[in-house]
Protein backbone atom coordinates (compact mmCIF):
# COMPACT_ATOMS: atom_id res chain seq x y z
CA MET A 1 0.16 -0.12 0.12
CA TYR A 2 1.22 3.88 -0.80
CA VAL A 3 2.59 5.32 2.34
CA TYR A 4 4.09 8.46 3.15
CA ALA A 5 7.78 8.99 5.13
CA ASP A 6 7.75 11.18 7.95
CA LYS A 7 6.86 14.68 7.26
CA TYR A 8 9.71 16.59 6.17
CA MET A 9 10.41 20.53 7.03
CA ILE A 10 11.90 22.47 4.23
CA LYS A 11 14.98 24.14 4.74
CA ALA A 12 16.39 27.08 3.44
CA GLY A 13 18.21 26.47 -0.13
CA ASP A 14 16.29 23.05 -0.47
CA THR A 15 14.22 22.67 -3.82
CA LEU A 16 11.52 20.00 -4.85
CA SER A 17 14.58 18.48 -6.79
CA SER A 18 17.28 18.44 -4.30
CA ILE A 19 14.64 16.98 -1.80
CA ALA A 20 13.23 14.47 -4.24
CA GLY A 21 16.60 13.17 -5.12
CA ASN A 22 17.68 12.85 -1.09
CA PHE A 23 14.48 11.02 -0.80
CA GLY A 24 15.55 8.26 -3.68
CA LEU A 25 12.79 9.43 -5.73
CA LEU A 26 12.23 9.46 -9.83
CA SER A 27 10.95 12.92 -10.16
CA TYR A 28 9.86 15.52 -7.64
CA ILE A 29 6.64 14.99 -9.42
CA GLN A 30 6.13 12.66 -7.01
CA ILE A 31 6.12 15.22 -4.57
CA LEU A 32 3.74 16.97 -5.98
CA HIS A 33 1.03 14.57 -6.11
CA VAL A 34 0.79 14.21 -2.75
CA ASN A 35 0.80 17.85 -1.96
CA PRO A 36 -1.65 19.20 -3.69
CA GLU A 37 -1.32 22.44 -1.99
CA ILE A 38 1.91 22.99 -3.72
CA SER A 39 0.29 25.45 -7.22
CA ASN A 40 4.29 26.32 -8.29
CA PRO A 41 7.17 24.13 -7.68
CA ASN A 42 9.53 26.69 -7.61
CA LEU A 43 7.84 28.70 -4.77
CA ILE A 44 8.60 26.56 -1.49
CA TYR A 45 9.33 27.99 1.83
CA PRO A 46 11.72 27.48 4.87
CA GLY A 47 9.66 25.58 7.74
CA GLU A 48 6.80 24.52 5.29
CA VAL A 49 6.08 21.01 6.22
CA ILE A 50 5.47 18.52 3.05
CA ASN A 51 4.60 14.88 2.63
CA ILE A 52 7.32 12.50 1.02
CA PRO A 53 6.17 9.38 -0.89
CA LYS A 54 8.12 6.41 0.02
CA MET A 55 9.48 4.01 -2.60
CA ILE A 56 7.58 0.38 -2.45
CA PRO A 57 8.02 -2.30 -4.82
CA MET A 58 6.34 -1.31 -8.02
CA SER A 59 4.41 -4.26 -10.56
CA THR A 60 4.41 -3.41 -14.26
CA TYR A 61 1.48 -3.20 -16.65
CA ILE A 62 2.38 -2.82 -20.24
CA VAL A 63 -0.82 -0.72 -21.76
CA LYS A 64 -2.64 -2.72 -24.15
CA PRO A 65 -5.41 -0.89 -27.06
CA GLY A 66 -8.48 0.25 -25.27
CA ASP A 67 -7.00 0.59 -21.76
CA THR A 68 -7.70 3.85 -19.70
CA LEU A 69 -5.73 4.15 -16.63
CA GLY A 70 -9.11 4.02 -14.61
CA THR A 71 -9.77 1.02 -15.77
CA ILE A 72 -6.28 -0.10 -15.52
CA ILE A 73 -6.06 0.88 -11.65
CA TYR A 74 -9.77 -0.46 -11.16
CA ASN A 75 -8.64 -4.02 -12.47
CA TYR A 76 -5.76 -3.82 -10.13
CA ASN A 77 -7.35 -3.00 -7.87
CA LEU A 78 -9.93 -5.97 -7.68
CA GLU A 79 -7.34 -8.61 -7.06
CA LEU A 80 -5.58 -6.45 -4.12
CA MET A 81 -9.44 -6.41 -2.86
CA LYS A 82 -9.30 -10.02 -3.27
CA TYR A 83 -5.82 -10.92 -1.31
CA TYR A 84 -5.03 -8.00 0.93
CA GLY A 85 -8.24 -6.23 1.30
CA VAL A 86 -6.65 -2.85 0.41
CA ARG A 87 -6.91 -0.69 -2.40
CA ILE A 88 -4.71 1.91 -4.60
CA THR A 89 -5.73 4.82 -5.33
CA PHE A 90 -5.39 6.89 -8.86
CA ASP A 91 -3.12 9.45 -6.81
CA GLU A 92 -0.95 6.58 -5.99
CA VAL A 93 -0.64 5.47 -9.46
CA LEU A 94 0.36 9.19 -10.44
CA ALA A 95 2.93 9.75 -7.91
CA TYR A 96 4.69 6.66 -9.12
CA ASN A 97 4.17 7.89 -12.72
CA PRO A 98 5.37 11.45 -13.27
CA ARG A 99 6.09 10.99 -16.52
CA ILE A 100 2.04 10.77 -16.93
CA THR A 101 1.03 14.38 -17.12
CA ASP A 102 -2.31 13.88 -17.91
CA PRO A 103 -4.35 10.79 -17.35
CA ASN A 104 -6.25 11.11 -19.86
CA LEU A 105 -2.83 10.34 -22.71
CA ILE A 106 -1.38 7.13 -21.85
CA PHE A 107 -0.63 5.06 -25.34
CA THR A 108 -0.27 1.59 -26.36
CA GLY A 109 3.28 0.10 -25.06
CA MET A 110 3.75 2.73 -22.50
CA THR A 111 4.77 0.94 -18.99
CA ILE A 112 3.00 1.89 -15.98
CA TYR A 113 4.45 1.08 -12.36
CA LEU A 114 1.90 0.02 -9.77
CA PRO A 115 2.98 0.08 -6.31
CA GLU A 116 2.20 -3.42 -4.55
CA ILE A 117 1.25 -4.34 -0.74
CA LEU A 118 4.20 -5.24 1.37
């Protein structure tokens, strides 16, 4: 299941990119997905507290013709509910797929990363 690390307090000189790098994230976009209150990634302030997504094991899914991100997540959640009794959210999937800037624009052959349950 998708979990957050302890809250992180921004320090002088931090950027979202440097914070992402320090936590081993793929991109600062992952931080934005779990901090919707950040409207401008270039405007963060010392003392501000943000969520940091934890990296957890991932499954991969290759997009097939006719797939939508919603149907991929729905079908993945059917399996998770059956075996673990939990679901992943749309935002969790977007956090692990920072190259998806528009969830309505995925294409056949694209690799989607899906968080696994620990």
